[in-house]
Amino acid sequence: MKIVGINKETCIKCLECVRGCPIRLYHSSPTENEKNKEVIFDNRYNQCIICGHCISICPTNSILYESEELASEFEEAKDPGSIINFENMMKVLKSRRSVRRYKDKPVPREDIEAILEAMRYAPSASNMQSWKYIVIFNKESIKRLIDLVGGLMKKIQKILKFAKFLKPIIPKKIKQRALDPGTKISVNNFIKQLDNGEDPVFYGAPVVIITYAPKYGSMAPNDAGIALTYGMLAAQSRNLATCWIGMAQEAIKRSKETGKWLKIPKNHKVNGVLIIGYPAVKFYRTPPRKPLNIKWD
């Protein structure tokens, strides 16, 4: 999208675009005669982040722009709170679960595309929209990723056997976890499931979405978290389940060979791995959460 100017015939000079532009690219021409006043868009230094606030905020739709699609206009856009009340929104948020049991049933492509479309509308720092996605539903490719994670876990299993001897050189940030007996049990259980032909990585989910972005120059990890959350909620609205798979994210980041296979550029970093599928489990209630740690000033 590109902002190209203002329709002076329909502009009512309300100055909402002047007040709403985060980069201050709109200004009112100085004049003593109010009738001769004009609103001017000045992007000579290409500072526009194409956030579209000016398009959304203009009451007469006077912002001129070039884009492959038109801005969406619907009545509820003027009052988002009228779309769903807080009580129902909380039901949506509370009922989202990280699902680890899936049916052996393919997800229609139109559902995957709908979820990706929802993710396209997630906010991002400075409107960078730097997300890039890889959608994997080929069973052999998914198996290859499972083997990748399995290989990493087997390396960890070997290291944990000598954790006590390596204690002096283990980094502080992982020392506590490495020496925790529960970690060794979890890793051993994972390997056992893998050896039994089970899928302890993606839990039988038929779709894996990987998101990556440039390593530097943006808040891509934060943006990925927001975008994938949009995807989780969109999937739920289509009776699909999701789960963020951190171990797969870490394994892919550590493997140059996998990065080449997935055609992820060297200067890019994987920021999230999301699985999607039909849940093989039914939930009847939402569990409690611990209280928030809040400081009021």
Protein backbone atom coordinates (compact mmCIF):
# COMPACT_ATOMS: atom_id res chain seq x y z
CA MET A 1 0.00 0.00 0.00
CA LYS A 2 1.08 3.57 -0.66
CA ILE A 3 -0.51 6.82 0.51
CA VAL A 4 -0.51 9.23 -2.44
CA GLY A 5 -2.42 12.25 -1.16
CA ILE A 6 -5.78 13.72 -0.19
CA ASN A 7 -8.97 14.19 -2.17
CA LYS A 8 -9.37 17.94 -1.72
CA GLU A 9 -12.93 17.90 -3.05
CA THR A 10 -14.22 15.65 -0.28
CA CYS A 11 -11.81 16.66 2.52
CA ILE A 12 -13.70 18.56 5.22
CA LYS A 13 -10.51 19.77 6.95
CA CYS A 14 -11.40 18.10 10.26
CA LEU A 15 -7.66 17.50 10.85
CA GLU A 16 -8.22 13.97 12.16
CA CYS A 17 -5.44 12.72 9.88
CA VAL A 18 -3.12 15.42 11.27
CA ARG A 19 -3.82 14.31 14.83
CA GLY A 20 -3.86 10.58 14.02
CA CYS A 21 -0.67 10.10 11.98
CA PRO A 22 2.02 8.61 14.30
CA ILE A 23 4.80 9.98 12.05
CA ARG A 24 3.21 13.47 11.70
CA LEU A 25 3.18 13.44 7.92
CA TYR A 26 -0.02 15.46 7.66
CA HIS A 27 -0.20 19.15 8.39
CA SER A 28 -2.51 22.09 7.84
CA SER A 29 -1.33 24.84 5.53
CA PRO A 30 -0.80 28.15 7.33
CA THR A 31 -3.39 30.70 6.24
CA GLU A 32 -5.44 33.45 7.82
CA ASN A 33 -8.49 32.51 5.77
CA GLU A 34 -10.03 29.28 7.07
CA LYS A 35 -11.75 28.69 3.73
CA ASN A 36 -8.40 28.54 1.97
CA LYS A 37 -6.87 26.14 4.50
CA GLU A 38 -5.66 22.83 3.08
CA VAL A 39 -4.54 19.57 4.63
CA ILE A 40 -1.25 18.42 3.14
CA PHE A 41 0.38 15.00 3.14
CA ASP A 42 4.18 15.25 3.00
CA ASN A 43 6.19 12.03 2.71
CA ARG A 44 9.23 13.38 0.90
CA TYR A 45 11.60 11.34 3.10
CA ASN A 46 9.62 8.09 2.81
CA GLN A 47 8.85 7.98 6.53
CA CYS A 48 5.32 6.61 6.14
CA ILE A 49 4.98 3.24 7.91
CA ILE A 50 1.77 2.50 5.99
CA CYS A 51 -0.17 1.85 9.19
CA GLY A 52 -3.38 3.06 7.54
CA HIS A 53 -4.55 5.09 10.56
CA CYS A 54 -5.28 8.03 8.26
CA ILE A 55 -7.48 5.84 6.05
CA SER A 56 -9.34 4.44 9.04
CA ILE A 57 -9.83 7.74 10.81
CA CYS A 58 -10.97 9.93 7.89
CA PRO A 59 -14.78 10.44 8.16
CA THR A 60 -15.18 11.21 4.43
CA ASN A 61 -12.79 8.55 3.07
CA SER A 62 -10.65 11.27 1.48
CA ILE A 63 -7.23 9.66 1.81
CA LEU A 64 -5.94 8.59 -1.59
CA TYR A 65 -3.89 5.42 -1.66
CA GLU A 66 -2.67 2.70 -3.98
CA SER A 67 -3.18 -0.90 -2.90
CA GLU A 68 -4.07 -4.32 -4.22
CA GLU A 69 -7.12 -4.28 -1.96
CA LEU A 70 -9.57 -1.68 -0.71
CA ALA A 71 -9.93 -0.72 2.93
CA SER A 72 -12.63 -2.73 4.71
CA GLU A 73 -15.65 -0.70 5.74
CA PHE A 74 -18.32 -2.14 8.00
CA GLU A 75 -20.61 -0.58 10.57
CA GLU A 76 -19.00 -2.23 13.60
CA ALA A 77 -15.61 -0.72 12.71
CA LYS A 78 -16.89 2.55 14.22
CA ASP A 79 -17.67 0.81 17.50
CA PRO A 80 -15.62 -2.42 17.96
CA GLY A 81 -17.08 -2.89 21.43
CA SER A 82 -20.45 -3.61 19.83
CA ILE A 83 -19.14 -6.72 18.05
CA ILE A 84 -18.74 -8.81 21.18
CA ASN A 85 -19.23 -7.87 24.82
CA PHE A 86 -16.57 -8.41 27.46
CA GLU A 87 -18.24 -11.48 28.99
CA ASN A 88 -18.34 -13.32 25.67
CA MET A 89 -14.83 -12.20 24.80
CA MET A 90 -13.60 -13.67 28.08
CA LYS A 91 -15.33 -16.95 27.20
CA VAL A 92 -13.44 -17.01 23.90
CA LEU A 93 -10.12 -16.29 25.61
CA LYS A 94 -10.64 -18.71 28.50
CA SER A 95 -11.74 -21.57 26.25
CA ARG A 96 -8.57 -21.47 24.13
CA ARG A 97 -6.46 -24.46 25.11
CA SER A 98 -3.02 -25.72 24.07
CA VAL A 99 -4.11 -29.05 22.62
CA ARG A 100 -1.79 -32.07 22.50
CA ARG A 101 -4.14 -34.72 21.08
CA TYR A 102 -5.26 -34.54 17.46
CA LYS A 103 -7.44 -36.54 15.11
CA ASP A 104 -5.90 -38.13 12.03
CA LYS A 105 -7.91 -35.80 9.83
CA PRO A 106 -6.58 -33.28 7.28
CA VAL A 107 -7.40 -29.60 7.66
CA PRO A 108 -8.96 -28.06 4.53
CA ARG A 109 -6.72 -25.54 2.79
CA GLU A 110 -9.42 -22.86 3.02
CA ASP A 111 -9.30 -23.12 6.81
CA ILE A 112 -5.52 -22.71 6.85
CA GLU A 113 -5.81 -19.71 4.53
CA ALA A 114 -8.50 -18.18 6.76
CA ILE A 115 -6.23 -18.53 9.80
CA LEU A 116 -3.33 -16.94 7.93
CA GLU A 117 -5.63 -14.11 6.85
CA ALA A 118 -6.45 -13.43 10.50
CA MET A 119 -2.73 -13.38 11.31
CA ARG A 120 -2.19 -10.85 8.52
CA TYR A 121 -4.19 -8.32 10.54
CA ALA A 122 -2.11 -8.67 13.71
CA PRO A 123 -0.34 -5.50 14.84
CA SER A 124 3.44 -5.24 14.57
CA ALA A 125 6.04 -2.76 15.79
CA SER A 126 6.20 0.24 13.42
CA ASN A 127 3.85 -1.78 11.20
CA MET A 128 6.85 -3.75 9.92
CA GLN A 129 4.72 -6.82 9.12
CA SER A 130 8.00 -8.69 8.86
CA TRP A 131 6.47 -12.12 9.43
CA LYS A 132 7.12 -14.83 6.87
CA TYR A 133 5.43 -18.19 7.07
CA ILE A 134 6.09 -21.77 6.04
CA VAL A 135 3.03 -24.04 6.07
CA ILE A 136 3.85 -27.75 6.26
CA PHE A 137 1.20 -30.44 5.85
CA ASN A 138 3.26 -33.04 3.99
CA LYS A 139 3.57 -36.03 6.35
CA GLU A 140 7.13 -36.81 5.31
CA SER A 141 8.21 -33.21 5.98
CA ILE A 142 6.52 -33.25 9.38
CA LYS A 143 8.29 -36.55 10.17
CA ARG A 144 11.59 -34.92 9.22
CA LEU A 145 10.96 -32.15 11.77
CA ILE A 146 10.00 -34.72 14.41
CA ASP A 147 13.31 -36.52 13.80
CA LEU A 148 15.13 -33.20 14.06
CA VAL A 149 13.65 -32.50 17.50
CA GLY A 150 14.26 -36.11 18.50
CA GLY A 151 17.92 -35.79 17.60
CA LEU A 152 18.27 -32.66 19.73
CA MET A 153 16.56 -34.32 22.69
CA LYS A 154 18.87 -37.33 22.45
CA LYS A 155 21.87 -35.00 22.61
CA ILE A 156 20.37 -33.39 25.69
CA GLN A 157 19.81 -36.83 27.19
CA LYS A 158 23.53 -37.61 26.84
CA ILE A 159 24.55 -34.28 28.35
CA LEU A 160 22.24 -34.75 31.34
CA LYS A 161 23.99 -38.01 32.22
CA PHE A 162 27.12 -35.98 32.99
CA ALA A 163 25.37 -32.85 34.34
CA LYS A 164 26.85 -33.24 37.84
CA PHE A 165 30.38 -33.42 36.46
CA LEU A 166 29.76 -30.48 34.11
CA LYS A 167 28.23 -28.34 36.85
CA PRO A 168 31.20 -25.90 37.08
CA ILE A 169 31.00 -25.03 33.37
CA ILE A 170 27.23 -25.09 32.78
CA PRO A 171 25.86 -21.55 32.16
CA LYS A 172 23.92 -20.19 35.13
CA LYS A 173 20.75 -19.65 33.13
CA ILE A 174 20.38 -23.39 32.42
CA LYS A 175 22.19 -24.89 35.42
CA GLN A 176 19.13 -25.14 37.65
CA ARG A 177 17.09 -26.85 34.97
CA ALA A 178 19.91 -29.18 33.92
CA LEU A 179 20.38 -30.37 37.50
CA ASP A 180 16.65 -30.73 38.18
CA PRO A 181 15.80 -34.50 38.32
CA GLY A 182 12.47 -33.70 36.66
CA THR A 183 14.25 -32.53 33.51
CA LYS A 184 15.98 -35.90 33.10
CA ILE A 185 12.67 -37.73 33.60
CA SER A 186 10.91 -35.54 31.03
CA VAL A 187 13.64 -36.05 28.44
CA ASN A 188 13.73 -39.83 29.02
CA ASN A 189 9.94 -40.02 28.68
CA PHE A 190 10.14 -38.05 25.43
CA ILE A 191 12.74 -40.42 23.98
CA LYS A 192 10.69 -43.42 25.08
CA GLN A 193 7.58 -42.09 23.29
CA LEU A 194 9.65 -41.41 20.18
CA ASP A 195 11.12 -44.93 20.19
CA ASN A 196 7.59 -46.36 20.55
CA GLY A 197 6.56 -44.66 17.30
CA GLU A 198 4.54 -41.92 19.00
CA ASP A 199 4.69 -38.23 18.14
CA PRO A 200 5.71 -36.27 21.26
CA VAL A 201 6.54 -33.20 19.16
CA PHE A 202 3.45 -32.32 17.13
CA TYR A 203 1.07 -34.83 18.75
CA GLY A 204 -0.28 -36.02 15.41
CA ALA A 205 -1.36 -32.54 14.25
CA PRO A 206 -1.59 -32.46 10.43
CA VAL A 207 -0.45 -28.83 9.97
CA VAL A 208 2.72 -27.09 11.15
CA ILE A 209 3.19 -23.34 10.64
CA ILE A 210 6.67 -21.86 11.06
CA THR A 211 7.12 -18.10 11.27
CA TYR A 212 10.45 -16.36 10.74
CA ALA A 213 11.68 -12.81 10.21
CA PRO A 214 14.91 -10.81 9.87
CA LYS A 215 17.11 -11.10 12.96
CA TYR A 216 17.71 -7.38 13.31
CA GLY A 217 15.86 -4.10 12.91
CA SER A 218 12.46 -5.02 14.34
CA MET A 219 10.63 -6.51 17.31
CA ALA A 220 9.93 -9.65 15.30
CA PRO A 221 9.75 -12.10 18.27
CA ASN A 222 7.09 -9.96 19.95
CA ASP A 223 5.26 -9.50 16.66
CA ALA A 224 5.30 -13.27 16.06
CA GLY A 225 3.72 -13.87 19.46
CA ILE A 226 0.86 -11.52 18.64
CA ALA A 227 0.36 -12.89 15.12
CA LEU A 228 0.30 -16.52 16.25
CA THR A 229 -2.16 -15.62 19.00
CA TYR A 230 -4.43 -14.15 16.33
CA GLY A 231 -4.04 -17.46 14.50
CA MET A 232 -4.88 -19.50 17.60
CA LEU A 233 -8.12 -17.59 18.15
CA ALA A 234 -9.04 -17.72 14.47
CA ALA A 235 -8.46 -21.49 14.45
CA GLN A 236 -10.71 -21.89 17.47
CA SER A 237 -13.52 -20.09 15.64
CA ARG A 238 -13.30 -22.78 12.94
CA ASN A 239 -13.41 -25.66 15.45
CA LEU A 240 -9.68 -26.28 15.15
CA ALA A 241 -7.10 -26.59 17.92
CA THR A 242 -3.56 -25.25 18.21
CA CYS A 243 -0.40 -25.40 20.29
CA TRP A 244 2.86 -23.44 20.21
CA ILE A 245 5.75 -25.92 19.99
CA GLY A 246 8.82 -24.35 21.61
CA MET A 247 11.07 -27.41 21.26
CA ALA A 248 10.56 -27.45 17.48
CA GLN A 249 11.26 -23.72 17.32
CA GLU A 250 14.54 -24.21 19.19
CA ALA A 251 15.57 -27.25 17.14
CA ILE A 252 15.01 -25.48 13.81
CA LYS A 253 16.97 -22.44 15.00
CA ARG A 254 19.92 -24.66 15.93
CA SER A 255 20.02 -26.62 12.66
CA LYS A 256 21.68 -24.94 9.66
CA GLU A 257 20.78 -27.95 7.52
CA THR A 258 17.08 -27.56 8.37
CA GLY A 259 17.27 -23.85 7.68
CA LYS A 260 18.61 -24.59 4.20
CA TRP A 261 15.91 -27.22 3.62
CA LEU A 262 13.19 -24.78 4.65
CA LYS A 263 14.89 -22.03 2.60
CA ILE A 264 15.13 -19.68 5.56
CA PRO A 265 17.69 -16.95 4.74
CA LYS A 266 20.81 -16.80 6.93
CA ASN A 267 19.96 -13.36 8.30
CA HIS A 268 16.51 -14.55 9.44
CA LYS A 269 15.41 -16.22 12.65
CA VAL A 270 12.57 -18.61 13.50
CA ASN A 271 10.24 -16.94 16.01
CA GLY A 272 7.49 -19.49 16.42
CA VAL A 273 6.11 -22.91 15.46
CA LEU A 274 2.36 -23.49 15.63
CA ILE A 275 0.48 -26.74 15.07
CA ILE A 276 -3.13 -26.89 13.88
CA GLY A 277 -5.62 -29.74 13.68
CA TYR A 278 -8.92 -31.17 14.83
CA PRO A 279 -8.82 -31.85 18.58
CA ALA A 280 -9.18 -35.45 19.76
CA VAL A 281 -10.20 -34.25 23.20
CA LYS A 282 -13.17 -32.31 24.59
CA PHE A 283 -12.87 -29.74 27.36
CA TYR A 284 -15.73 -29.11 29.76
CA ARG A 285 -14.45 -26.20 31.81
CA THR A 286 -11.58 -23.73 32.03
CA PRO A 287 -8.99 -24.17 34.80
CA PRO A 288 -8.06 -21.34 37.18
CA ARG A 289 -5.02 -19.15 36.70
CA LYS A 290 -2.74 -17.73 39.35
CA PRO A 291 -3.33 -14.07 40.28
CA LEU A 292 -1.50 -11.39 38.33
CA ASN A 293 1.50 -9.67 39.86
CA ILE A 294 0.51 -6.01 39.47
CA LYS A 295 1.97 -2.77 40.77
CA TRP A 296 -0.30 0.27 40.62
CA ASP A 297 1.20 3.76 40.60
